Protein backbone atom coordinates (compact mmCIF):
# COMPACT_ATOMS: atom_id res chain seq x y z
CA UNK A 1 0.00 0.00 0.00
CA UNK A 2 1.23 3.47 -0.87
CA UNK A 3 0.78 6.74 0.95
CA UNK A 4 -0.60 9.88 -0.67
CA UNK A 5 2.92 11.30 -0.64
CA UNK A 6 4.30 8.30 -2.52
CA UNK A 7 1.51 8.51 -5.11
CA UNK A 8 2.14 12.23 -5.56
CA UNK A 9 5.85 11.61 -6.03
CA UNK A 10 5.19 8.96 -8.70
CA UNK A 11 2.91 11.36 -10.54
CA UNK A 12 5.51 14.12 -10.45
CA UNK A 13 8.05 11.77 -12.00
CA UNK A 14 5.97 9.78 -14.48
CA UNK A 15 2.51 11.19 -15.17
CA UNK A 16 1.57 12.38 -18.66
CA UNK A 17 -1.38 14.80 -18.39
CA UNK A 18 -4.55 13.31 -19.87
CA UNK A 19 -2.71 10.11 -20.81
CA UNK A 20 -1.11 8.43 -17.78
CA UNK A 21 -1.56 8.95 -14.06
CA UNK A 22 -0.75 7.00 -10.93
CA UNK A 23 -3.66 6.47 -8.56
CA UNK A 24 -4.43 4.69 -5.33
CA UNK A 25 -6.18 1.58 -6.61
CA UNK A 26 -7.98 -1.17 -4.70
CA UNK A 27 -6.98 -1.14 -1.02
CA UNK A 28 -4.70 1.82 -1.82
CA UNK A 29 -2.35 -0.29 -3.94
CA UNK A 30 -0.81 2.06 -6.54
CA UNK A 31 -1.88 1.58 -10.13
CA UNK A 32 -1.05 3.25 -13.42
CA UNK A 33 -4.13 4.34 -15.35
CA UNK A 34 -3.58 4.72 -19.08
CA UNK A 35 -6.05 6.61 -21.26
CA UNK A 36 -4.66 6.47 -24.76
CA UNK A 37 -6.28 7.23 -28.09
CA UNK A 38 -5.97 3.56 -29.14
CA UNK A 39 -6.68 1.83 -25.82
CA UNK A 40 -7.00 2.27 -22.08
CA UNK A 41 -5.35 0.07 -19.46
CA UNK A 42 -4.65 -0.31 -15.77
CA UNK A 43 -1.42 -1.72 -14.37
CA UNK A 44 -0.70 -2.32 -10.68
CA UNK A 45 2.79 -2.00 -9.23
CA UNK A 46 1.79 -5.05 -7.17
CA UNK A 47 3.19 -7.84 -9.35
CA UNK A 48 3.57 -5.45 -12.34
CA UNK A 49 0.16 -6.85 -13.12
CA UNK A 50 -2.03 -5.65 -15.95
CA UNK A 51 -5.65 -5.71 -14.73
CA UNK A 52 -7.36 -4.04 -17.69
CA UNK A 53 -6.82 -3.53 -21.41
CA UNK A 54 -9.67 -1.98 -23.33
CA UNK A 55 -9.05 -1.16 -27.00
CA UNK A 56 -11.26 1.65 -28.27
CA UNK A 57 -12.92 -0.64 -30.84
CA UNK A 58 -13.66 -3.53 -28.46
CA UNK A 59 -15.01 -4.26 -25.00
CA UNK A 60 -12.73 -5.12 -22.06
CA UNK A 61 -10.32 -7.93 -22.97
CA UNK A 62 -8.92 -8.84 -19.53
CA UNK A 63 -10.89 -10.68 -16.82
CA UNK A 64 -10.54 -9.53 -13.21
CA UNK A 65 -12.30 -11.25 -10.31
CA UNK A 66 -14.65 -9.15 -8.21
CA UNK A 67 -13.49 -11.22 -5.23
CA UNK A 68 -9.74 -10.74 -5.69
CA UNK A 69 -7.53 -10.16 -2.67
CA UNK A 70 -5.91 -6.73 -2.77
CA UNK A 71 -3.18 -7.00 -0.20
CA UNK A 72 0.55 -7.45 0.23
CA UNK A 73 1.63 -11.06 -0.11
CA UNK A 74 -1.52 -12.10 -2.00
CA UNK A 75 -1.84 -12.54 -5.74
CA UNK A 76 -4.43 -10.59 -7.70
CA UNK A 77 -6.97 -13.02 -9.19
CA UNK A 78 -7.28 -12.28 -12.88
CA UNK A 79 -5.41 -9.81 -15.05
CA UNK A 80 -2.00 -10.96 -16.30
CA UNK A 81 0.13 -12.27 -13.42
CA UNK A 82 3.84 -12.90 -14.00
CA UNK A 83 5.02 -16.39 -13.08
CA UNK A 84 8.79 -16.56 -12.42
CA UNK A 85 11.15 -18.44 -11.92
CA UNK A 86 8.93 -21.50 -11.62
CA UNK A 87 5.41 -22.36 -12.72
CA UNK A 88 2.76 -23.95 -10.51
CA UNK A 89 4.33 -25.44 -7.36
CA UNK A 90 8.11 -25.44 -6.97
CA UNK A 91 9.19 -28.97 -7.84
CA UNK A 92 11.63 -29.37 -4.93
CA UNK A 93 9.83 -27.35 -2.23
CA UNK A 94 6.08 -27.52 -1.73
CA UNK A 95 6.28 -24.70 0.83
CA UNK A 96 7.56 -22.20 -1.76
CA UNK A 97 5.06 -19.67 -3.14
CA UNK A 98 3.03 -20.91 -6.08
CA UNK A 99 4.16 -19.52 -9.46
CA UNK A 100 7.36 -18.01 -8.10
CA UNK A 101 8.59 -14.96 -6.24
CA UNK A 102 7.57 -11.85 -8.21
CA UNK A 103 3.79 -11.84 -8.66
CA UNK A 104 3.14 -10.53 -5.14
CA UNK A 105 6.09 -8.11 -5.01
CA UNK A 106 5.80 -4.36 -5.45
CA UNK A 107 7.72 -3.53 -8.62
CA UNK A 108 9.49 -0.26 -9.35
CA UNK A 109 8.07 2.06 -11.98
CA UNK A 110 10.94 2.98 -14.29
CA UNK A 111 9.40 4.90 -17.18
CA UNK A 112 6.20 6.00 -18.88
CA UNK A 113 6.37 7.39 -22.41
CA UNK A 114 4.36 7.96 -25.58
CA UNK A 115 5.16 6.77 -29.09
CA UNK A 116 2.47 7.71 -31.58
CA UNK A 117 -0.79 6.33 -30.21
CA UNK A 118 1.04 3.89 -27.94
CA UNK A 119 1.77 4.40 -24.25
CA UNK A 120 4.78 2.47 -22.98
CA UNK A 121 5.23 1.52 -19.31
CA UNK A 122 8.38 -0.12 -17.95
CA UNK A 123 8.58 -1.72 -14.51
CA UNK A 124 11.38 -3.67 -12.82
CA UNK A 125 12.22 -5.84 -9.83
CA UNK A 126 15.26 -7.77 -8.69
CA UNK A 127 16.43 -10.46 -6.33
CA UNK A 128 16.45 -9.67 -2.62
CA UNK A 129 16.61 -11.44 0.73
CA UNK A 130 13.01 -12.68 0.39
CA UNK A 131 13.49 -14.15 -3.09
CA UNK A 132 16.76 -15.82 -2.05
CA UNK A 133 14.90 -17.70 0.69
CA UNK A 134 13.31 -19.72 -2.12
CA UNK A 135 15.72 -19.32 -5.05
CA UNK A 136 19.38 -18.49 -4.44
CA UNK A 137 20.21 -16.60 -7.64
CA UNK A 138 20.75 -12.94 -8.52
CA UNK A 139 18.45 -11.57 -11.20
CA UNK A 140 16.75 -8.47 -12.51
CA UNK A 141 13.41 -8.50 -14.32
CA UNK A 142 11.97 -5.77 -16.49
CA UNK A 143 8.43 -5.77 -17.81
CA UNK A 144 7.87 -3.44 -20.75
CA UNK A 145 4.19 -2.99 -21.55
CA UNK A 146 3.01 -1.25 -24.71
CA UNK A 147 -0.64 -0.18 -24.57
CA UNK A 148 -1.89 0.30 -28.12
CA UNK A 149 -4.30 -1.32 -30.57
CA UNK A 150 -2.31 -4.40 -29.60
CA UNK A 151 -1.10 -5.10 -26.06
CA UNK A 152 2.61 -5.95 -26.15
CA UNK A 153 4.41 -7.43 -23.15
CA UNK A 154 8.18 -7.93 -23.09
CA UNK A 155 9.48 -9.76 -20.01
CA UNK A 156 13.27 -9.61 -19.78
CA UNK A 157 15.33 -11.70 -17.35
CA UNK A 158 18.88 -10.54 -16.65
CA UNK A 159 21.32 -12.77 -14.80
CA UNK A 160 23.16 -10.34 -12.50
CA UNK A 161 25.06 -13.01 -10.58
CA UNK A 162 28.06 -15.26 -11.13
CA UNK A 163 26.13 -18.51 -11.65
CA UNK A 164 23.95 -19.60 -14.52
CA UNK A 165 20.36 -20.49 -13.74
CA UNK A 166 17.31 -22.04 -15.35
CA UNK A 167 13.91 -20.36 -15.29
CA UNK A 168 10.30 -21.17 -16.02
CA UNK A 169 8.11 -18.19 -16.89
CA UNK A 170 4.57 -17.39 -17.94
CA UNK A 171 2.39 -14.38 -18.65
CA UNK A 172 -0.71 -15.92 -17.09
CA UNK A 173 -3.35 -14.07 -19.16
CA UNK A 174 -6.99 -14.24 -18.07
CA UNK A 175 -8.85 -13.45 -21.29
CA UNK A 176 -12.39 -12.22 -20.72
CA UNK A 177 -14.99 -14.25 -22.62
CA UNK A 178 -18.79 -14.27 -22.72
CA UNK A 179 -19.05 -17.93 -21.68
CA UNK A 180 -16.09 -20.31 -21.60
CA UNK A 181 -18.38 -23.17 -22.62
CA UNK A 182 -19.12 -21.46 -25.93
CA UNK A 183 -15.67 -20.38 -27.10
CA UNK A 184 -13.23 -22.33 -29.24
CA UNK A 185 -9.45 -22.03 -29.31
CA UNK A 186 -7.64 -22.44 -32.61
CA UNK A 187 -4.00 -22.71 -33.67
CA UNK A 188 -2.88 -25.81 -31.77
CA UNK A 189 -4.20 -28.63 -33.96
CA UNK A 190 -1.79 -31.60 -34.01
CA UNK A 191 0.33 -30.01 -31.25
CA UNK A 192 1.56 -32.26 -28.43
CA UNK A 193 0.55 -31.27 -24.92
CA UNK A 194 1.01 -32.37 -21.34
CA UNK A 195 -2.31 -32.79 -19.53
CA UNK A 196 -1.75 -31.68 -15.93
CA UNK A 197 -5.22 -33.00 -15.01
CA UNK A 198 -4.06 -36.46 -16.08
CA UNK A 199 -0.62 -36.78 -14.49
CA UNK A 200 1.04 -34.70 -17.25
CA UNK A 201 0.28 -37.48 -19.70
CA UNK A 202 1.52 -36.62 -23.20
CA UNK A 203 -1.32 -36.23 -25.71
CA UNK A 204 -1.85 -34.70 -29.15
CA UNK A 205 -4.48 -32.06 -29.85
CA UNK A 206 -7.01 -33.00 -32.51
CA UNK A 207 -8.73 -30.02 -34.09
CA UNK A 208 -9.85 -26.90 -32.26
CA UNK A 209 -10.04 -26.79 -28.47
CA UNK A 210 -13.50 -26.70 -26.90
CA UNK A 211 -13.41 -26.36 -23.12
CA UNK A 212 -15.82 -28.83 -21.54
CA UNK A 213 -14.17 -29.51 -18.17
CA UNK A 214 -11.34 -28.38 -15.90
CA UNK A 215 -8.35 -27.89 -18.18
CA UNK A 216 -4.65 -27.36 -17.50
CA UNK A 217 -2.72 -28.19 -20.66
CA UNK A 218 0.85 -27.23 -21.56
CA UNK A 219 1.26 -27.30 -25.35
CA UNK A 220 4.92 -27.95 -26.09
CA UNK A 221 7.36 -27.05 -28.87
CA UNK A 222 5.06 -24.43 -30.28
CA UNK A 223 5.45 -20.78 -31.16
CA UNK A 224 2.23 -20.70 -33.16
CA UNK A 225 -0.34 -17.92 -32.79
CA UNK A 226 -3.47 -18.96 -30.91
CA UNK A 227 -6.95 -17.44 -31.16
CA UNK A 228 -9.99 -17.53 -28.89
CA UNK A 229 -13.15 -17.31 -30.99
CA UNK A 230 -16.07 -15.88 -29.00
CA UNK A 231 -19.33 -16.11 -30.98
CA UNK A 232 -21.36 -14.16 -28.40
CA UNK A 233 -19.02 -11.16 -28.24
CA UNK A 234 -18.34 -11.60 -31.96
CA UNK A 235 -14.61 -11.22 -31.58
CA UNK A 236 -11.38 -13.18 -31.65
CA UNK A 237 -8.57 -12.66 -29.14
CA UNK A 238 -5.24 -13.53 -30.75
CA UNK A 239 -2.01 -14.34 -28.90
CA UNK A 240 1.26 -14.06 -30.80
CA UNK A 241 4.56 -14.71 -29.05
CA UNK A 242 8.32 -14.70 -29.40
CA UNK A 243 10.96 -16.73 -27.51
CA UNK A 244 8.17 -18.82 -26.01
CA UNK A 245 8.11 -22.57 -26.65
CA UNK A 246 5.04 -23.55 -24.61
CA UNK A 247 1.45 -22.32 -24.54
CA UNK A 248 -0.76 -23.00 -21.54
CA UNK A 249 -4.55 -23.34 -21.67
CA UNK A 250 -6.28 -23.21 -18.27
CA UNK A 251 -9.71 -22.99 -16.72
CA UNK A 252 -10.56 -24.49 -13.30
CA UNK A 253 -14.22 -25.25 -14.11
CA UNK A 254 -16.94 -25.28 -11.47
CA UNK A 255 -15.59 -27.67 -8.82
CA UNK A 256 -12.02 -26.37 -8.70
CA UNK A 257 -13.22 -22.76 -8.94
CA UNK A 258 -15.31 -23.33 -5.81
CA UNK A 259 -12.08 -24.04 -3.92
CA UNK A 260 -10.69 -20.58 -4.77
CA UNK A 261 -11.74 -18.02 -2.17
CA UNK A 262 -10.89 -15.12 -4.50
CA UNK A 263 -13.13 -16.27 -7.35
CA UNK A 264 -16.92 -15.86 -7.42
CA UNK A 265 -19.20 -18.86 -7.89
CA UNK A 266 -19.82 -18.32 -11.59
CA UNK A 267 -16.77 -16.23 -12.51
CA UNK A 268 -14.97 -19.27 -13.94
CA UNK A 269 -17.31 -19.04 -16.94
CA UNK A 270 -16.01 -15.56 -17.76
CA UNK A 271 -12.39 -16.32 -18.67
CA UNK A 272 -10.10 -18.59 -20.65
CA UNK A 273 -6.41 -18.45 -19.81
CA UNK A 274 -4.13 -18.69 -22.85
CA UNK A 275 -0.55 -18.05 -21.85
CA UNK A 276 2.81 -17.43 -23.48
CA UNK A 277 5.32 -19.41 -21.43
CA UNK A 278 8.47 -21.46 -21.13
CA UNK A 279 7.87 -24.28 -18.67
CA UNK A 280 8.93 -27.88 -17.98
CA UNK A 281 11.36 -29.04 -20.69
CA UNK A 282 11.25 -25.54 -22.25
CA UNK A 283 12.77 -23.91 -19.16
CA UNK A 284 15.35 -21.33 -20.25
CA UNK A 285 19.00 -21.26 -19.14
CA UNK A 286 20.40 -17.77 -18.59
CA UNK A 287 24.19 -17.51 -18.24
CA UNK A 288 25.89 -14.92 -15.99
CA UNK A 289 25.69 -11.47 -17.57
CA UNK A 290 23.18 -12.63 -20.20
CA UNK A 291 19.55 -11.70 -20.85
CA UNK A 292 16.46 -13.48 -22.14
CA UNK A 293 13.27 -11.76 -23.35
CA UNK A 294 9.90 -13.44 -23.85
CA UNK A 295 7.30 -11.41 -25.74
CA UNK A 296 3.53 -11.79 -25.87
CA UNK A 297 1.30 -9.78 -28.20
CA UNK A 298 -2.48 -9.71 -27.77
CA UNK A 299 -4.78 -8.45 -30.52
CA UNK A 300 -8.54 -8.35 -30.98
CA UNK A 301 -10.30 -8.90 -34.30
CA UNK A 302 -13.95 -9.25 -35.22
């Protein structure tokens, strides 16, 4: 949570009148509100998490739970959380925080700028005593977000230590849909995937994906664009990506959603997660002094 003085200081340094301002968001957590000519957006410093992206020619694209926790140490349910440097539970320590060490941290705001119709926001975080409790390496992350007719996210990992390390990463995008039972997901036909609901059994996708039950699939060895076709909203949400070898499709469905205290009873019907990622065998090795950037680009078409 930020004080009024801290919010004022951020505005003095980064605000662009009529375009970008820093506000006290939910529970006084600071957020960046973007009002561009091509799109609006909201980004919290908590987790560097995008919670809204609304292109001018479409309705809201990002799902955000009305029951989300808005507090230090808790993840925001919905939006686009950043998973790093592991995905799901940590394989060698069940007590470690799920999805890594950065999604509940307060990131630093580094820059806000304009380029044509686009508004560009850059945030950063780095290793500290808390992260080293769970992962002993030195790193710096930057998250460059371009708010435009497309939403562009560039997550860069820098190895600032003397040892190489291996990371998993994901931009865990909750795409807002009219009804998850009515959408179809295209672009992954004949792609192998690991079914986490079936012991990570290796399977092959046949045709388009129709979500009919709890789903947690990691599609492997794929950089292909993926689209969510929503016949009710009459739009397609398209994910393009670079330096990402896995794509995750997730929805908890009714029974698993009921176990999540920060998700309303029927909210699971309102999103389909389609995520650029590098997980499992696609984990990325970053040598000392080297960098790795994963990019995700979201577009909306009719």
